[in-house]
């Protein structure tokens, strides 16, 4: 488990370095900083409290952490996808956003839900096998 955390931490630091490097080419740095600040505010004031409340009200027992994790991933995915999902009007240039982003966003959310359900099923089977007489 420590190795996995170290690898995830190393990958995270490397990706932050890539992001910092890419920021050097940004012409409107103030706009990027406003967007990043808005993302932090949206997460801290909307997504995180909603996830905690939903987890508290709807889920009991050992599944609560997994469901909260899935809700956080779904919320972060939605937050990243919002600019494309809420884009106004018709596309002038079809090559700017060529994919079906709402469909792909829904596929991502279904994938998160599927992985969560499979994870909970595997955990419950593991617990059932470890119980004496079960």
N, C-alpha and C. Protein backbone atom coordinates (compact mmCIF):
# COMPACT_ATOMS: atom_id res chain seq x y z
N UNK A 1 0.82 -1.18 0.00
CA UNK A 1 0.00 0.00 0.00
C UNK A 1 0.87 1.26 0.00
N UNK A 2 1.99 1.20 0.71
CA UNK A 2 2.88 2.36 0.74
C UNK A 2 3.48 2.63 -0.63
N UNK A 3 3.77 1.55 -1.36
CA UNK A 3 4.35 1.71 -2.71
C UNK A 3 3.33 2.37 -3.62
N UNK A 4 2.07 1.94 -3.53
CA UNK A 4 1.02 2.53 -4.35
C UNK A 4 0.84 4.02 -4.04
N UNK A 5 0.87 4.37 -2.77
CA UNK A 5 0.76 5.78 -2.39
C UNK A 5 1.95 6.58 -2.90
N UNK A 6 3.13 6.00 -2.82
CA UNK A 6 4.33 6.70 -3.30
C UNK A 6 4.26 6.90 -4.81
N UNK A 7 3.79 5.87 -5.54
CA UNK A 7 3.65 6.01 -7.00
C UNK A 7 2.59 7.05 -7.36
N UNK A 8 1.46 7.03 -6.64
CA UNK A 8 0.41 8.01 -6.91
C UNK A 8 0.89 9.42 -6.59
N UNK A 9 1.62 9.57 -5.50
CA UNK A 9 2.18 10.88 -5.15
C UNK A 9 3.18 11.36 -6.16
N UNK A 10 4.03 10.47 -6.63
CA UNK A 10 5.03 10.83 -7.64
C UNK A 10 4.35 11.23 -8.94
N UNK A 11 3.34 10.48 -9.34
CA UNK A 11 2.61 10.83 -10.57
C UNK A 11 1.91 12.17 -10.41
N UNK A 12 1.35 12.44 -9.24
CA UNK A 12 0.69 13.72 -9.00
C UNK A 12 1.65 14.89 -9.08
N UNK A 13 2.82 14.74 -8.47
CA UNK A 13 3.83 15.81 -8.51
C UNK A 13 4.31 16.01 -9.94
N UNK A 14 4.50 14.93 -10.68
CA UNK A 14 4.93 15.04 -12.08
C UNK A 14 3.87 15.77 -12.92
N UNK A 15 2.60 15.44 -12.71
CA UNK A 15 1.54 16.11 -13.45
C UNK A 15 1.42 17.59 -13.06
N UNK A 16 1.67 17.91 -11.80
CA UNK A 16 1.67 19.32 -11.40
C UNK A 16 2.81 20.07 -12.09
N UNK A 17 3.95 19.40 -12.24
CA UNK A 17 5.07 20.00 -12.97
C UNK A 17 4.72 20.26 -14.42
N UNK A 18 4.04 19.31 -15.05
CA UNK A 18 3.61 19.50 -16.43
C UNK A 18 2.65 20.67 -16.52
N UNK A 19 1.70 20.75 -15.58
CA UNK A 19 0.75 21.85 -15.57
C UNK A 19 1.44 23.20 -15.38
N UNK A 20 2.41 23.25 -14.47
CA UNK A 20 3.15 24.51 -14.25
C UNK A 20 3.94 24.89 -15.50
N UNK A 21 4.51 23.90 -16.17
CA UNK A 21 5.25 24.17 -17.40
C UNK A 21 4.32 24.71 -18.49
N UNK A 22 3.14 24.12 -18.61
CA UNK A 22 2.18 24.56 -19.61
C UNK A 22 1.63 25.96 -19.32
N UNK A 23 1.61 26.35 -18.05
CA UNK A 23 1.14 27.68 -17.69
C UNK A 23 2.05 28.78 -18.25
N UNK A 24 3.30 28.44 -18.55
CA UNK A 24 4.22 29.44 -19.09
C UNK A 24 3.78 29.94 -20.46
N UNK A 25 2.99 29.15 -21.19
CA UNK A 25 2.54 29.54 -22.53
C UNK A 25 1.19 30.24 -22.52
N UNK A 26 0.56 30.39 -21.36
CA UNK A 26 -0.77 30.99 -21.28
C UNK A 26 -0.66 32.50 -21.38
N UNK A 27 -1.47 33.08 -22.25
CA UNK A 27 -1.44 34.54 -22.44
C UNK A 27 -2.32 35.24 -21.42
N UNK A 28 -3.45 34.63 -21.06
CA UNK A 28 -4.37 35.25 -20.11
C UNK A 28 -4.26 34.51 -18.78
N UNK A 29 -3.17 34.74 -18.06
CA UNK A 29 -2.92 34.05 -16.80
C UNK A 29 -3.97 34.43 -15.75
N UNK A 30 -4.44 35.66 -15.76
CA UNK A 30 -5.46 36.09 -14.80
C UNK A 30 -6.74 35.29 -14.99
N UNK A 31 -7.14 35.04 -16.23
CA UNK A 31 -8.33 34.25 -16.51
C UNK A 31 -8.19 32.82 -16.00
N UNK A 32 -7.00 32.25 -16.17
CA UNK A 32 -6.75 30.89 -15.70
C UNK A 32 -6.83 30.86 -14.17
N UNK A 33 -6.24 31.85 -13.52
CA UNK A 33 -6.27 31.90 -12.06
C UNK A 33 -7.69 32.08 -11.53
N UNK A 34 -8.51 32.88 -12.21
CA UNK A 34 -9.92 33.02 -11.82
C UNK A 34 -10.64 31.68 -11.98
N UNK A 35 -10.39 30.97 -13.09
CA UNK A 35 -11.02 29.68 -13.31
C UNK A 35 -10.60 28.68 -12.23
N UNK A 36 -9.30 28.65 -11.90
CA UNK A 36 -8.82 27.74 -10.86
C UNK A 36 -9.41 28.10 -9.50
N UNK A 37 -9.49 29.40 -9.20
CA UNK A 37 -10.11 29.82 -7.94
C UNK A 37 -11.57 29.44 -7.89
N UNK A 38 -12.27 29.60 -9.01
CA UNK A 38 -13.66 29.20 -9.07
C UNK A 38 -13.83 27.70 -8.86
N UNK A 39 -12.89 26.92 -9.38
CA UNK A 39 -12.95 25.47 -9.20
C UNK A 39 -12.79 25.11 -7.72
N UNK A 40 -11.89 25.79 -7.04
CA UNK A 40 -11.69 25.53 -5.61
C UNK A 40 -12.95 25.89 -4.82
N UNK A 41 -13.51 27.06 -5.12
CA UNK A 41 -14.73 27.50 -4.43
C UNK A 41 -15.88 26.53 -4.72
N UNK A 42 -16.05 26.14 -5.97
CA UNK A 42 -17.11 25.20 -6.33
C UNK A 42 -16.94 23.88 -5.59
N UNK A 43 -15.72 23.40 -5.51
CA UNK A 43 -15.48 22.14 -4.81
C UNK A 43 -15.77 22.28 -3.32
N UNK A 44 -15.20 23.33 -2.71
CA UNK A 44 -15.29 23.44 -1.25
C UNK A 44 -16.68 23.86 -0.76
N UNK A 45 -17.42 24.61 -1.56
CA UNK A 45 -18.71 25.10 -1.10
C UNK A 45 -19.90 24.31 -1.64
N UNK A 46 -19.70 23.55 -2.72
CA UNK A 46 -20.83 22.84 -3.32
C UNK A 46 -20.58 21.33 -3.33
N UNK A 47 -19.54 20.89 -4.01
CA UNK A 47 -19.35 19.45 -4.23
C UNK A 47 -19.06 18.70 -2.94
N UNK A 48 -18.07 19.13 -2.18
CA UNK A 48 -17.70 18.40 -0.97
C UNK A 48 -18.84 18.35 0.05
N UNK A 49 -19.51 19.47 0.36
CA UNK A 49 -20.63 19.36 1.31
C UNK A 49 -21.76 18.47 0.78
N UNK A 50 -22.05 18.55 -0.52
CA UNK A 50 -23.11 17.70 -1.08
C UNK A 50 -22.75 16.23 -0.96
N UNK A 51 -21.50 15.89 -1.26
CA UNK A 51 -21.06 14.49 -1.16
C UNK A 51 -21.16 14.00 0.29
N UNK A 52 -20.71 14.81 1.22
CA UNK A 52 -20.77 14.40 2.63
C UNK A 52 -22.21 14.23 3.09
N UNK A 53 -23.08 15.14 2.69
CA UNK A 53 -24.48 15.05 3.09
C UNK A 53 -25.17 13.84 2.47
N UNK A 54 -24.95 13.63 1.19
CA UNK A 54 -25.56 12.47 0.52
C UNK A 54 -25.04 11.17 1.13
N UNK A 55 -23.73 11.12 1.37
CA UNK A 55 -23.17 9.92 2.01
C UNK A 55 -23.74 9.67 3.38
N UNK A 56 -23.96 10.75 4.13
CA UNK A 56 -24.51 10.63 5.48
C UNK A 56 -25.97 10.18 5.46
N UNK A 57 -26.75 10.74 4.54
CA UNK A 57 -28.18 10.47 4.52
C UNK A 57 -28.56 9.16 3.83
N UNK A 58 -27.84 8.79 2.77
CA UNK A 58 -28.28 7.67 1.95
C UNK A 58 -27.55 6.36 2.19
N UNK A 59 -26.34 6.42 2.67
CA UNK A 59 -25.52 5.20 2.74
C UNK A 59 -25.11 4.94 4.18
N UNK A 60 -25.23 3.71 4.58
CA UNK A 60 -24.83 3.29 5.91
C UNK A 60 -23.71 2.25 5.81
N UNK A 61 -22.94 2.14 6.85
CA UNK A 61 -21.96 1.08 6.97
C UNK A 61 -20.70 1.30 6.14
N UNK A 62 -20.10 0.19 5.77
CA UNK A 62 -18.79 0.22 5.11
C UNK A 62 -18.84 0.80 3.71
N UNK A 63 -20.00 0.83 3.08
CA UNK A 63 -20.10 1.35 1.72
C UNK A 63 -20.01 2.86 1.66
N UNK A 64 -20.17 3.54 2.78
CA UNK A 64 -20.23 4.99 2.78
C UNK A 64 -18.98 5.61 2.17
N UNK A 65 -17.80 5.14 2.52
CA UNK A 65 -16.57 5.71 1.98
C UNK A 65 -16.45 5.53 0.48
N UNK A 66 -16.81 4.36 0.00
CA UNK A 66 -16.74 4.10 -1.44
C UNK A 66 -17.73 4.96 -2.22
N UNK A 67 -18.92 5.10 -1.68
CA UNK A 67 -19.93 5.93 -2.36
C UNK A 67 -19.50 7.39 -2.35
N UNK A 68 -18.98 7.85 -1.24
CA UNK A 68 -18.49 9.23 -1.18
C UNK A 68 -17.36 9.44 -2.19
N UNK A 69 -16.45 8.47 -2.28
CA UNK A 69 -15.36 8.58 -3.26
C UNK A 69 -15.89 8.66 -4.68
N UNK A 70 -16.87 7.83 -4.99
CA UNK A 70 -17.46 7.84 -6.33
C UNK A 70 -18.16 9.17 -6.59
N UNK A 71 -18.85 9.70 -5.60
CA UNK A 71 -19.51 10.99 -5.76
C UNK A 71 -18.51 12.11 -5.97
N UNK A 72 -17.38 12.06 -5.28
CA UNK A 72 -16.33 13.07 -5.48
C UNK A 72 -15.77 13.00 -6.90
N UNK A 73 -15.52 11.79 -7.39
CA UNK A 73 -15.02 11.64 -8.75
C UNK A 73 -16.06 12.14 -9.76
N UNK A 74 -17.32 11.79 -9.53
CA UNK A 74 -18.38 12.25 -10.44
C UNK A 74 -18.51 13.77 -10.39
N UNK A 75 -18.40 14.35 -9.21
CA UNK A 75 -18.47 15.80 -9.09
C UNK A 75 -17.30 16.50 -9.76
N UNK A 76 -16.10 15.97 -9.58
CA UNK A 76 -14.92 16.56 -10.22
C UNK A 76 -15.00 16.42 -11.74
N UNK A 77 -15.47 15.27 -12.20
CA UNK A 77 -15.64 15.07 -13.64
C UNK A 77 -16.66 16.06 -14.21
N UNK A 78 -17.73 16.25 -13.48
CA UNK A 78 -18.75 17.21 -13.91
C UNK A 78 -18.19 18.63 -13.92
N UNK A 79 -17.42 18.97 -12.90
CA UNK A 79 -16.85 20.31 -12.81
C UNK A 79 -15.92 20.59 -14.00
N UNK A 80 -15.13 19.61 -14.37
CA UNK A 80 -14.22 19.77 -15.51
C UNK A 80 -15.01 19.86 -16.81
N UNK A 81 -16.11 19.11 -16.90
CA UNK A 81 -16.90 19.07 -18.12
C UNK A 81 -17.87 20.23 -18.27
N UNK A 82 -18.13 20.98 -17.21
CA UNK A 82 -19.13 22.04 -17.26
C UNK A 82 -18.93 23.06 -18.39
N UNK A 83 -17.72 23.56 -18.63
CA UNK A 83 -17.59 24.53 -19.72
C UNK A 83 -18.06 24.00 -21.07
N UNK A 84 -17.80 22.74 -21.34
CA UNK A 84 -18.22 22.16 -22.61
C UNK A 84 -19.71 21.83 -22.59
N UNK A 85 -20.19 21.34 -21.44
CA UNK A 85 -21.60 20.98 -21.35
C UNK A 85 -22.51 22.20 -21.42
N UNK A 86 -22.05 23.32 -20.92
CA UNK A 86 -22.88 24.53 -20.88
C UNK A 86 -22.57 25.51 -22.00
N UNK A 87 -21.77 25.08 -22.98
CA UNK A 87 -21.41 26.01 -24.05
C UNK A 87 -22.68 26.50 -24.75
N UNK A 88 -22.75 27.80 -24.96
CA UNK A 88 -23.98 28.35 -25.53
C UNK A 88 -23.99 28.24 -27.06
N UNK A 89 -25.17 28.11 -27.59
CA UNK A 89 -25.37 28.23 -29.03
C UNK A 89 -24.81 27.11 -29.87
N UNK A 90 -24.87 27.36 -31.16
CA UNK A 90 -24.42 26.40 -32.15
C UNK A 90 -22.93 26.60 -32.43
N UNK A 91 -22.25 25.51 -32.75
CA UNK A 91 -20.82 25.60 -33.07
C UNK A 91 -20.62 26.28 -34.42
N UNK A 92 -19.72 27.26 -34.45
CA UNK A 92 -19.39 27.91 -35.70
C UNK A 92 -18.39 27.05 -36.47
N UNK A 93 -17.43 26.50 -35.74
CA UNK A 93 -16.39 25.68 -36.33
C UNK A 93 -16.54 24.27 -35.75
N UNK A 94 -16.90 23.32 -36.57
CA UNK A 94 -17.17 21.96 -36.09
C UNK A 94 -15.91 21.25 -35.60
N UNK A 95 -14.74 21.76 -35.92
CA UNK A 95 -13.51 21.10 -35.48
C UNK A 95 -13.06 21.57 -34.10
N UNK A 96 -13.71 22.58 -33.54
CA UNK A 96 -13.30 23.09 -32.23
C UNK A 96 -13.65 22.09 -31.13
N UNK A 97 -14.88 21.64 -31.08
CA UNK A 97 -15.34 20.64 -30.13
C UNK A 97 -16.00 19.51 -30.91
N UNK A 98 -15.19 18.62 -31.51
CA UNK A 98 -15.74 17.66 -32.46
C UNK A 98 -16.47 16.46 -31.84
N UNK A 99 -16.33 16.24 -30.55
CA UNK A 99 -16.91 15.04 -29.95
C UNK A 99 -18.27 15.33 -29.34
N UNK A 100 -18.99 14.26 -29.02
CA UNK A 100 -20.27 14.37 -28.33
C UNK A 100 -19.97 14.39 -26.82
N UNK A 101 -19.70 15.57 -26.29
CA UNK A 101 -19.24 15.69 -24.91
C UNK A 101 -20.30 15.32 -23.88
N UNK A 102 -21.56 15.69 -24.05
CA UNK A 102 -22.55 15.23 -23.06
C UNK A 102 -22.62 13.70 -22.98
N UNK A 103 -22.60 13.03 -24.12
CA UNK A 103 -22.63 11.56 -24.12
C UNK A 103 -21.39 10.99 -23.43
N UNK A 104 -20.22 11.55 -23.74
CA UNK A 104 -18.98 11.06 -23.14
C UNK A 104 -18.95 11.31 -21.64
N UNK A 105 -19.51 12.44 -21.20
CA UNK A 105 -19.59 12.74 -19.78
C UNK A 105 -20.48 11.71 -19.08
N UNK A 106 -21.62 11.39 -19.70
CA UNK A 106 -22.50 10.38 -19.13
C UNK A 106 -21.83 9.00 -19.09
N UNK A 107 -21.08 8.67 -20.12
CA UNK A 107 -20.34 7.40 -20.13
C UNK A 107 -19.34 7.37 -18.98
N UNK A 108 -18.66 8.48 -18.74
CA UNK A 108 -17.71 8.54 -17.64
C UNK A 108 -18.41 8.35 -16.30
N UNK A 109 -19.58 8.97 -16.13
CA UNK A 109 -20.32 8.81 -14.87
C UNK A 109 -20.81 7.38 -14.70
N UNK A 110 -21.25 6.75 -15.78
CA UNK A 110 -21.66 5.35 -15.70
C UNK A 110 -20.47 4.46 -15.35
N UNK A 111 -19.31 4.77 -15.91
CA UNK A 111 -18.11 4.00 -15.59
C UNK A 111 -17.75 4.14 -14.11
N UNK A 112 -17.85 5.34 -13.57
CA UNK A 112 -17.58 5.54 -12.14
C UNK A 112 -18.56 4.74 -11.29
N UNK A 113 -19.83 4.79 -11.63
CA UNK A 113 -20.85 4.04 -10.89
C UNK A 113 -20.60 2.53 -11.00
N UNK A 114 -20.26 2.06 -12.18
CA UNK A 114 -20.01 0.63 -12.38
C UNK A 114 -18.82 0.15 -11.58
N UNK A 115 -17.73 0.90 -11.63
CA UNK A 115 -16.54 0.52 -10.85
C UNK A 115 -16.85 0.52 -9.36
N UNK A 116 -17.64 1.48 -8.91
CA UNK A 116 -17.99 1.54 -7.49
C UNK A 116 -18.82 0.33 -7.08
N UNK A 117 -19.81 -0.02 -7.88
CA UNK A 117 -20.65 -1.18 -7.57
C UNK A 117 -19.81 -2.46 -7.57
N UNK A 118 -18.93 -2.60 -8.56
CA UNK A 118 -18.06 -3.79 -8.60
C UNK A 118 -17.13 -3.83 -7.38
N UNK A 119 -16.60 -2.69 -7.01
CA UNK A 119 -15.71 -2.61 -5.85
C UNK A 119 -16.45 -3.03 -4.58
N UNK A 120 -17.66 -2.51 -4.41
CA UNK A 120 -18.45 -2.88 -3.22
C UNK A 120 -18.81 -4.37 -3.23
N UNK A 121 -19.10 -4.93 -4.40
CA UNK A 121 -19.41 -6.36 -4.49
C UNK A 121 -18.20 -7.21 -4.13
N UNK A 122 -17.03 -6.84 -4.63
CA UNK A 122 -15.81 -7.60 -4.32
C UNK A 122 -15.51 -7.51 -2.83
N UNK A 123 -15.67 -6.32 -2.25
CA UNK A 123 -15.42 -6.16 -0.82
C UNK A 123 -16.38 -6.99 0.02
N UNK A 124 -17.64 -7.01 -0.36
CA UNK A 124 -18.60 -7.77 0.43
C UNK A 124 -18.35 -9.28 0.29
N UNK A 125 -17.96 -9.73 -0.89
CA UNK A 125 -17.62 -11.14 -1.05
C UNK A 125 -16.40 -11.51 -0.23
N UNK A 126 -15.41 -10.63 -0.20
CA UNK A 126 -14.23 -10.87 0.61
C UNK A 126 -14.55 -10.96 2.09
N UNK A 127 -15.45 -10.08 2.55
CA UNK A 127 -15.84 -10.12 3.96
C UNK A 127 -16.63 -11.37 4.28
N UNK A 128 -17.49 -11.79 3.34
CA UNK A 128 -18.29 -13.01 3.58
C UNK A 128 -17.40 -14.24 3.67
N UNK A 129 -16.35 -14.26 2.89
CA UNK A 129 -15.44 -15.43 2.93
C UNK A 129 -14.62 -15.48 4.19
N UNK A 130 -14.32 -14.31 4.76
CA UNK A 130 -13.50 -14.28 5.97
C UNK A 130 -14.27 -14.59 7.23
N UNK A 131 -15.60 -14.47 7.19
CA UNK A 131 -16.40 -14.75 8.37
C UNK A 131 -16.38 -16.25 8.68
N UNK A 132 -16.24 -16.55 9.95
CA UNK A 132 -16.28 -17.98 10.32
C UNK A 132 -17.69 -18.54 10.09
N UNK A 133 -17.72 -19.70 9.47
CA UNK A 133 -18.99 -20.38 9.22
C UNK A 133 -19.75 -19.80 8.04
N UNK A 134 -19.12 -18.83 7.26
CA UNK A 134 -19.84 -18.22 6.16
C UNK A 134 -19.23 -18.54 4.91
